[in-house]
Protein backbone atom coordinates (compact mmCIF):
# COMPACT_ATOMS: atom_id res chain seq x y z
CA MET A 1 23.25 90.04 15.25
CA LYS A 2 23.17 90.94 19.53
CA ARG A 3 22.40 88.12 22.23
CA VAL A 4 22.82 90.35 24.95
CA VAL A 5 19.59 89.00 26.82
CA SER A 6 21.30 85.68 26.04
CA GLU A 7 24.30 86.32 27.32
CA GLU A 8 22.41 86.90 30.96
CA PHE A 9 20.16 83.51 31.10
CA PHE A 10 23.07 81.75 29.93
CA LYS A 11 25.48 83.08 32.93
CA SER A 12 22.66 82.78 34.98
CA ALA A 13 22.11 79.17 33.97
CA LEU A 14 25.29 78.18 34.65
CA LYS A 15 25.31 78.24 38.26
CA SER A 16 22.32 76.61 38.31
CA ILE A 17 22.36 73.90 36.44
CA PRO A 18 25.12 71.83 34.95
CA GLY A 19 27.47 73.55 31.78
CA GLY A 20 24.23 75.99 31.78
CA VAL A 21 22.25 73.58 29.97
CA ASP A 22 20.18 70.36 30.39
CA SER A 23 21.38 68.50 27.19
CA PRO A 24 25.34 68.87 26.55
CA VAL A 25 24.66 69.66 21.97
CA ARG A 26 22.77 73.03 23.20
CA ALA A 27 25.52 74.01 25.28
CA PHE A 28 27.01 74.79 21.42
CA LYS A 29 30.55 74.58 22.99
CA SER A 30 31.64 72.83 19.61
CA VAL A 31 31.30 75.81 17.20
CA ASN A 32 32.94 78.00 20.55
CA LEU A 33 30.32 80.00 20.57
CA ASN A 34 27.62 80.67 24.17
CA PRO A 35 23.28 78.89 23.30
CA ILE A 36 20.81 80.89 21.79
CA PHE A 37 17.94 81.10 24.64
CA VAL A 38 14.89 80.98 22.84
CA ASP A 39 11.57 82.35 23.64
CA LYS A 40 9.20 80.98 21.05
CA ALA A 41 8.41 79.55 18.06
CA GLU A 42 5.81 79.38 15.50
CA GLY A 43 5.85 77.45 11.14
CA GLN A 44 9.72 77.61 10.70
CA PHE A 45 10.71 79.85 12.95
CA ILE A 46 12.49 80.42 16.39
CA TYR A 47 12.65 83.37 17.68
CA ASP A 48 15.15 83.95 20.39
CA VAL A 49 14.71 86.33 23.75
CA ASP A 50 16.11 88.85 22.21
CA GLY A 51 14.46 89.18 19.23
CA ASN A 52 16.15 87.68 16.62
CA LYS A 53 14.16 85.52 14.07
CA TYR A 54 15.76 82.11 12.64
CA LEU A 55 14.64 80.45 10.30
CA ASP A 56 14.99 77.05 12.00
CA PHE A 57 16.96 73.38 10.88
CA VAL A 58 16.71 71.80 14.31
CA LEU A 59 13.57 71.72 14.79
CA THR A 60 13.61 70.49 17.99
CA TRP A 61 15.77 68.05 16.82
CA GLY A 62 12.76 66.29 14.74
CA PRO A 63 9.86 66.25 16.00
CA ALA A 64 8.06 69.92 13.98
CA VAL A 65 7.53 68.13 11.01
CA LEU A 66 4.27 70.22 11.03
CA GLY A 67 6.31 73.06 12.16
CA HIS A 68 6.19 75.02 15.26
CA ALA A 69 3.32 75.12 16.88
CA ASN A 70 0.55 73.66 14.94
CA ASP A 71 -2.95 75.80 15.45
CA GLU A 72 -4.87 72.14 14.82
CA VAL A 73 -2.20 70.10 17.56
CA ILE A 74 -2.26 73.52 20.46
CA GLU A 75 -6.21 73.79 20.15
CA GLU A 76 -6.04 70.07 20.83
CA ILE A 77 -3.54 70.04 23.72
CA LYS A 78 -5.77 73.53 25.18
CA ARG A 79 -8.41 70.81 25.23
CA VAL A 80 -7.12 67.49 27.04
CA ALA A 81 -5.13 69.57 29.71
CA GLU A 82 -8.61 71.23 30.74
CA LYS A 83 -9.21 67.74 32.04
CA GLY A 84 -6.28 67.34 33.24
CA ILE A 85 -2.58 66.98 32.99
CA SER A 86 -1.12 63.04 34.53
CA PHE A 87 -4.03 61.10 35.52
CA GLY A 88 -1.32 57.97 36.50
CA MET A 89 -4.10 55.64 34.71
CA PRO A 90 -4.82 54.12 31.18
CA SER A 91 -6.55 56.63 29.23
CA PRO A 92 -8.43 56.35 25.80
CA LEU A 93 -5.55 58.42 24.34
CA GLU A 94 -3.16 56.73 24.51
CA VAL A 95 -5.35 53.02 23.10
CA LYS A 96 -5.96 55.93 20.36
CA LEU A 97 -2.57 56.29 19.92
CA ALA A 98 -1.85 52.97 19.89
CA GLU A 99 -4.71 51.97 17.01
CA LYS A 100 -2.91 54.95 14.95
CA VAL A 101 0.92 53.82 15.22
CA LYS A 102 -0.29 50.26 14.37
CA GLU A 103 -2.25 51.45 11.34
CA MET A 104 0.51 53.59 9.96
CA LEU A 105 3.46 50.79 10.49
CA PRO A 106 1.55 47.64 10.18
CA TYR A 107 4.58 45.98 11.01
CA ILE A 108 3.69 46.82 14.69
CA ASP A 109 1.89 43.98 16.37
CA LYS A 110 1.68 45.79 19.95
CA ILE A 111 3.21 48.93 21.46
CA ARG A 112 4.61 50.68 24.59
CA PHE A 113 4.34 53.98 25.55
CA VAL A 114 7.48 55.40 27.44
CA ASN A 115 8.40 59.20 28.07
CA SER A 116 11.65 59.35 25.84
CA GLY A 117 13.48 57.41 23.20
CA THR A 118 16.33 56.99 25.82
CA GLU A 119 13.62 54.95 27.56
CA ALA A 120 12.29 53.11 24.30
CA THR A 121 15.91 51.87 23.72
CA MET A 122 16.38 51.43 27.33
CA THR A 123 12.98 49.05 26.86
CA ALA A 124 14.18 47.48 24.44
CA ILE A 125 17.43 46.19 25.05
CA ARG A 126 15.60 44.44 28.14
CA LEU A 127 13.21 42.95 26.41
CA ALA A 128 15.48 41.31 23.85
CA ARG A 129 17.72 40.37 26.98
CA GLY A 130 14.61 39.03 28.75
CA TYR A 131 13.10 36.84 25.32
CA THR A 132 16.50 35.65 24.73
CA LYS A 133 17.74 35.10 27.72
CA ARG A 134 21.71 36.52 26.68
CA ASP A 135 23.29 39.18 27.98
CA LYS A 136 25.24 41.08 25.12
CA ILE A 137 24.42 42.66 22.55
CA LEU A 138 25.48 44.90 19.48
CA LYS A 139 25.95 48.64 18.31
CA PHE A 140 27.56 50.31 15.94
CA ASN A 141 30.02 53.13 16.16
CA GLY A 142 28.40 56.36 15.57
CA CYS A 143 25.03 55.72 16.55
CA TYR A 144 23.33 57.55 19.63
CA HIS A 145 20.37 55.02 21.21
CA GLY A 146 20.01 57.25 24.01
CA HIS A 147 21.80 57.46 27.51
CA HIS A 148 21.32 54.34 29.06
CA ASP A 149 24.92 52.69 30.25
CA ALA A 150 24.30 49.91 28.37
CA LEU A 151 24.50 52.07 24.90
CA LEU A 152 26.57 54.73 25.73
CA VAL A 153 29.76 53.04 24.52
CA GLN A 154 31.17 54.75 20.90
CA ALA A 155 27.94 56.77 20.72
CA GLY A 156 26.97 59.66 18.03
CA SER A 157 25.40 62.95 18.90
CA GLY A 158 26.61 65.20 21.93
CA VAL A 159 28.76 62.16 23.12
CA ALA A 160 30.26 62.03 19.61
CA THR A 161 30.65 65.97 19.17
CA PHE A 162 32.27 66.57 22.79
CA GLY A 163 34.74 63.80 22.61
CA ILE A 164 33.36 62.28 26.07
CA PRO A 165 34.84 58.60 26.81
CA SER A 166 32.16 56.21 26.33
CA THR A 167 32.57 54.78 30.09
CA PRO A 168 33.30 57.60 33.04
CA GLY A 169 30.52 56.50 35.61
CA ILE A 170 29.67 53.41 33.40
CA PRO A 171 30.71 49.26 35.34
CA GLU A 172 33.16 48.14 33.41
CA ASP A 173 31.44 44.87 34.09
CA THR A 174 28.43 46.73 31.93
CA VAL A 175 30.14 47.54 29.20
CA LYS A 176 31.49 44.07 28.38
CA THR A 177 28.36 43.27 27.72
CA THR A 178 28.26 45.85 24.49
CA LEU A 179 29.84 44.46 21.91
CA THR A 180 30.65 47.66 18.95
CA CYS A 181 30.86 47.26 14.63
CA GLU A 182 31.02 50.28 12.46
CA TYR A 183 28.82 51.19 10.64
CA ASN A 184 28.11 49.09 7.02
CA ASP A 185 30.84 46.56 8.27
CA LEU A 186 29.00 43.64 7.71
CA GLY A 187 31.55 41.50 8.21
CA CYS A 188 32.99 42.12 11.69
CA VAL A 189 28.60 41.66 12.96
CA LYS A 190 29.46 37.65 11.10
CA GLU A 191 31.96 37.75 13.59
CA ALA A 192 30.80 39.09 16.65
CA LEU A 193 27.45 37.10 15.88
CA LYS A 194 28.91 33.45 15.67
CA ASN A 195 29.18 31.94 19.01
CA LYS A 196 25.00 32.81 18.88
CA ASP A 197 25.16 34.11 22.33
CA VAL A 198 24.04 37.93 20.75
CA ALA A 199 20.49 39.48 22.16
CA CYS A 200 20.11 41.67 19.72
CA VAL A 201 21.79 44.33 17.02
CA ILE A 202 20.63 47.79 17.10
CA VAL A 203 20.73 50.04 14.43
CA GLU A 204 19.80 53.31 13.11
CA PRO A 205 18.14 52.08 9.72
CA VAL A 206 19.31 55.40 8.15
CA ALA A 207 22.15 57.16 10.77
CA GLY A 208 21.10 60.57 12.55
CA ASN A 209 23.58 60.94 15.16
CA MET A 210 27.29 61.21 13.25
CA GLY A 211 25.28 63.17 11.19
CA VAL A 212 23.30 61.48 8.17
CA VAL A 213 24.77 58.34 7.34
CA SER A 214 23.09 55.94 4.95
CA PRO A 215 23.44 51.96 4.61
CA GLU A 216 25.00 50.57 2.02
CA LYS A 217 23.50 48.17 -0.58
CA GLY A 218 22.81 45.10 1.33
CA PHE A 219 23.74 45.85 5.11
CA LEU A 220 19.97 45.75 6.59
CA GLU A 221 19.32 43.18 4.67
CA GLY A 222 22.16 41.00 5.89
CA LEU A 223 21.61 42.26 9.26
CA ARG A 224 18.04 40.76 8.67
CA GLU A 225 19.69 37.76 7.93
CA ILE A 226 22.96 37.12 9.94
CA CYS A 227 19.79 37.92 12.83
CA SER A 228 18.00 35.42 11.94
CA GLU A 229 20.47 32.24 10.97
CA THR A 230 21.80 33.12 14.98
CA GLY A 231 18.30 33.92 16.38
CA THR A 232 19.34 37.65 17.39
CA LEU A 233 16.59 40.25 17.79
CA LEU A 234 16.72 43.09 15.28
CA ILE A 235 16.15 46.94 16.40
CA PHE A 236 15.65 49.06 14.59
CA ASP A 237 15.65 52.52 16.35
CA GLU A 238 13.83 54.98 14.76
CA VAL A 239 12.97 57.16 17.56
CA MET A 240 14.81 59.96 15.34
CA THR A 241 14.02 58.52 11.48
CA GLY A 242 10.57 57.13 11.88
CA PHE A 243 7.80 59.68 9.84
CA ARG A 244 11.16 61.11 9.24
CA ILE A 245 13.06 58.44 6.26
CA HIS A 246 9.19 57.62 4.66
CA SER A 247 6.04 58.33 5.57
CA LYS A 248 5.75 53.92 7.02
CA GLY A 249 9.56 54.88 8.18
CA ALA A 250 12.75 52.42 8.00
CA PHE A 251 10.21 49.00 6.98
CA ASP A 252 8.57 50.24 3.98
CA LEU A 253 11.62 52.17 2.68
CA PHE A 254 13.63 49.49 2.63
CA GLY A 255 11.36 46.50 3.25
CA ILE A 256 12.78 45.13 5.62
CA THR A 257 11.41 43.65 8.78
CA PRO A 258 12.59 44.17 12.48
CA ASP A 259 11.87 42.61 15.69
CA ILE A 260 11.38 45.35 17.20
CA ALA A 261 11.41 49.46 16.92
CA THR A 262 12.01 52.35 18.97
CA PHE A 263 10.07 55.45 17.87
CA GLY A 264 10.43 59.15 19.14
CA LYS A 265 10.55 61.99 17.93
CA VAL A 266 7.61 62.67 15.58
CA ILE A 267 5.04 60.45 17.31
CA GLY A 268 4.96 62.87 20.62
CA GLY A 269 4.75 66.16 18.22
CA GLY A 270 6.79 67.42 20.44
CA MET A 271 5.45 66.69 24.23
CA PRO A 272 8.41 63.98 25.47
CA VAL A 273 7.07 60.59 24.41
CA GLY A 274 8.69 58.02 23.07
CA ALA A 275 7.43 53.81 22.17
CA VAL A 276 8.45 50.20 21.60
CA GLY A 277 6.51 48.22 19.50
CA GLY A 278 7.09 45.13 17.53
CA LYS A 279 5.98 41.02 17.46
CA ALA A 280 3.29 40.08 19.68
CA GLU A 281 5.28 37.30 20.76
CA ILE A 282 8.07 39.03 21.99
CA MET A 283 6.23 42.34 23.20
CA SER A 284 4.17 39.75 25.63
CA TYR A 285 7.10 39.32 27.40
CA LEU A 286 6.77 42.79 28.81
CA ALA A 287 4.67 43.18 31.81
CA PRO A 288 2.10 42.68 33.06
CA GLU A 289 1.78 40.62 30.68
CA GLY A 290 5.11 38.66 30.55
CA PRO A 291 8.28 38.51 33.48
CA VAL A 292 10.11 41.60 31.47
CA TYR A 293 9.65 44.20 34.28
CA GLN A 294 8.74 48.06 32.70
CA ALA A 295 7.52 51.25 33.88
CA GLY A 296 6.74 54.78 34.26
CA THR A 297 4.29 57.56 36.25
CA LEU A 298 3.91 59.38 33.08
CA SER A 299 4.30 57.12 30.59
CA GLY A 300 0.87 57.31 28.16
CA ASN A 301 0.52 61.24 29.52
CA PRO A 302 -2.70 62.53 28.41
CA VAL A 303 -1.34 65.33 26.99
CA ALA A 304 1.65 64.21 25.22
CA MET A 305 -1.05 61.12 23.73
CA ALA A 306 -2.66 64.08 22.77
CA CYS A 307 -0.04 65.29 21.05
CA GLY A 308 0.95 62.75 19.68
CA LEU A 309 -2.63 62.03 17.81
CA LYS A 310 -3.20 64.92 16.53
CA THR A 311 0.55 65.54 14.61
CA LEU A 312 0.44 61.94 13.36
CA GLU A 313 -3.33 62.63 12.43
CA ILE A 314 -2.06 65.64 10.12
CA TYR A 315 0.65 63.83 9.02
CA GLU A 316 -1.55 61.38 6.79
CA ARG A 317 -4.58 63.45 5.74
CA ASP A 318 -1.99 66.46 4.25
CA ASN A 319 0.33 64.02 2.73
CA VAL A 320 2.89 65.95 4.74
CA PHE A 321 6.34 63.55 3.90
CA ASN A 322 5.53 64.06 0.68
CA SER A 323 4.51 67.66 0.63
CA ILE A 324 7.75 68.25 2.31
CA MET A 325 9.70 65.68 -0.73
CA ASP A 326 8.00 68.29 -3.26
CA ILE A 327 10.43 70.92 -2.48
CA ALA A 328 12.89 69.08 -0.81
CA SER A 329 14.06 67.07 -4.04
CA ASN A 330 15.13 70.07 -5.61
CA PHE A 331 16.62 71.46 -2.43
CA TYR A 332 18.83 68.34 -2.10
CA SER A 333 19.40 68.80 -6.48
CA ARG A 334 21.39 71.95 -5.96
CA LEU A 335 23.04 71.22 -2.82
CA GLU A 336 24.13 68.17 -4.91
CA GLU A 337 25.70 70.17 -7.75
CA LEU A 338 26.65 73.17 -5.48
CA CYS A 339 29.13 70.34 -3.64
CA ALA A 340 30.42 68.66 -7.02
CA LYS A 341 31.38 71.62 -7.94
CA THR A 342 33.50 72.41 -4.69
CA LYS A 343 36.49 70.43 -2.51
CA GLY A 344 35.90 70.31 0.77
CA ILE A 345 32.36 69.50 0.55
CA SER A 346 29.61 67.15 0.44
CA VAL A 347 25.90 66.54 0.76
CA ASN A 348 23.54 63.76 2.19
CA TYR A 349 19.81 63.07 2.65
CA VAL A 350 16.73 60.94 3.19
CA GLY A 351 13.62 61.38 3.35
CA THR A 352 13.48 64.88 5.51
CA MET A 353 16.18 64.68 6.99
CA PHE A 354 20.39 65.52 5.29
CA THR A 355 23.65 67.00 6.32
CA LEU A 356 26.33 69.02 4.95
CA PHE A 357 29.45 67.26 5.72
CA PHE A 358 33.18 69.34 5.58
CA ARG A 359 34.13 66.53 3.37
CA ASP A 360 35.05 65.62 -0.14
CA THR A 361 32.75 62.53 -0.24
CA VAL A 362 29.90 61.44 1.59
CA PRO A 363 31.08 59.56 4.72
CA LYS A 364 29.95 55.67 5.19
CA ASN A 365 31.11 55.59 8.66
CA LEU A 366 32.04 57.66 11.95
CA LYS A 367 35.72 57.33 11.39
CA GLU A 368 35.15 58.87 7.90
CA VAL A 369 32.56 61.79 9.67
CA ASN A 370 35.58 62.55 12.02
CA GLU A 371 37.76 63.21 8.91
CA CYS A 372 35.31 66.19 8.31
CA ASP A 373 36.54 69.74 8.22
CA PHE A 374 35.09 70.78 11.77
CA ASP A 375 36.98 73.79 12.40
CA ARG A 376 35.34 74.88 8.99
CA PHE A 377 31.71 73.42 9.94
CA SER A 378 32.08 76.07 12.88
CA SER A 379 32.69 78.79 10.50
CA PHE A 380 29.43 78.36 8.61
CA PHE A 381 27.54 77.08 11.43
CA LYS A 382 28.03 81.29 13.36
CA PHE A 383 27.65 82.33 9.64
CA MET A 384 24.31 80.98 8.99
CA LEU A 385 23.89 82.45 12.30
CA ASP A 386 24.65 85.18 12.29
CA ASN A 387 22.62 85.68 8.20
CA GLY A 388 19.74 84.20 10.07
CA VAL A 389 19.61 80.69 10.18
CA LEU A 390 19.22 78.48 12.90
CA LEU A 391 21.59 74.71 12.26
CA PRO A 392 21.79 72.15 14.60
CA PRO A 393 25.01 73.47 15.69
CA SER A 394 27.70 70.34 16.12
CA GLN A 395 29.04 68.13 12.19
CA TYR A 396 28.00 64.80 13.86
CA GLU A 397 23.51 66.72 14.08
CA ALA A 398 21.04 65.88 11.17
CA ASN A 399 19.12 69.02 9.74
CA PHE A 400 15.53 68.46 9.25
CA LEU A 401 12.28 70.29 6.96
CA SER A 402 9.27 70.24 7.85
CA VAL A 403 6.33 71.42 5.91
CA LYS A 404 6.20 74.71 6.74
CA HIS A 405 9.57 75.50 5.18
CA ARG A 406 8.41 76.88 1.49
CA GLY A 407 11.21 77.47 -1.48
CA GLU A 408 12.04 80.43 -0.09
CA ASP A 409 13.46 79.51 2.52
CA LEU A 410 15.73 76.37 0.69
CA ASP A 411 16.73 79.12 -1.35
CA LYS A 412 18.08 81.28 1.24
CA TYR A 413 20.27 78.51 2.50
CA ILE A 414 21.88 77.35 -1.02
CA ALA A 415 22.43 81.92 -1.75
CA LEU A 416 23.92 81.80 2.10
CA LEU A 417 26.17 78.07 1.26
CA LYS A 418 27.68 79.72 -2.48
CA GLU A 419 28.35 83.25 0.02
CA PHE A 420 30.19 81.47 2.65
CA ILE A 421 31.96 79.26 0.27
CA LYS A 422 33.49 82.04 -1.81
CA ILE A 423 34.45 83.76 1.81
CA GLU A 424 36.35 80.75 2.90
CA GLY A 425 38.29 81.16 -0.74
CA MET A 426 37.13 76.75 -1.06
CA GLN A 427 38.55 75.57 -4.69
CA GLU A 428 36.72 74.31 -7.29
CA ALA A 429 36.56 70.28 -7.63
C-alpha cells in the first residue's frame, strides 16, 4: 500500500505539532513506522488520505462500539448542533444522559460529566482525598488512568509503549503520595494499606492499558474487602471497560460495587466525554454541593451529551453487547486454538476487548507483559497494516470489536494471523 499523502502530512505535522501527533501512541514509533492520516471512517472500516481502506480494530481506542459514523448518532448530532454547539449553562441533555447511565448502572447514585477520561480520574482522586481527608493513593503498575501528575507513576498505555520514566515534569512531592503495586498482587495491597492512611485504590477492573490483562480470581474481591476494612475508597476506572467488558460493566461481571467509578469512551460515543459516578454520600462532596472543587466550561456540552445519549440508547435497544459477543465467542475460540498450537503467542479477551500477546502464556501483570517479543509484534503490526487491517500500534494496547464487524472480517484476521505464523516460521507448541 502506498502512503505518500500520509507521509507528506506527517512531515508538515512535525513542523507544527510535537512529534507530529496530538497523542503519543498515534505516532507508530514503537512499530518503527510513520502514522497514517485518516480521511474518514465508516462502519468497521477506516480510510486514510491515500485512499487505503483498513479493517479497524482500534475503533478510536474503544468508543466506536456501534462502529464508525452510525447514521442515527450523526443525525442526532446534527439536530442538536443546529441549536448551538456550546452553552456554558445547564441543558436537558446532561440530565437525560445522567439518568440513562444511572438506569444502566444501578449502583450509581449521582454522576458528574467532564471532558475526558483523564479529567474523570483526576476528579475521582481529588474527591476521594477530600472525602477521606487522606493524601495517599494506590495504583497498579501498567494501569493507565490519564496523564495527570498523581497517576503517571508506573503507567501503562503510551507511557509504557515509549518507556518514558514516571516522573519528568512531575514534582517529587506529588510522586511521594502515590503508592504502586503489581496488578493481581493482593499481598502488596494489604501491606500498603495497613496503616489506614490511603485515600483510595484506583484500578482498571480489567486492565486494558498493558494489553487486556484479567484480574485473577479473588483479586477484585480482595480489593473490596481490604478497602472496606481500612476505610479506603475503591475506584473502578471503567473509562475503557465501561460497556465493553459487560453491558453493565465490572459491577455486573464481577458482582463488586466500587465506591466511585470513572467512565469515558462509550458514554461519549466518540465525543470528548468523561464522567465520575458513585454513592450519593461521596458524590455530594463535589462543589457546589460540597467542598471539593471541580469545574469545566465544556463539561456537559450539548453536542457531546447528545452523541453519548444516542449511543447508549442504541446500545441498549439493539442489545449491542450480546450481538457483538455472538460473533466474538467463535473468533476467540479460534484464536485460542491457534495460539495453543503455536509457540510464542497467546491471547486474552474479556467481552469486546482482546489482545494477542507475543509470549507463550497470557500475562497477569506488567512484568510479564514486558517479557513479550516486541520485535515480532512490530512485524505483525506491519504485516496486518499492509494487508488492510489496522491494529493498535503497541503491544500494550487492547483491540476492540464493534457491532459492525462481521464473520468474514474476523475470518480475515484469523487467515492473516495463520499466514504470518507461517512466514515467521513460528514453531508448533
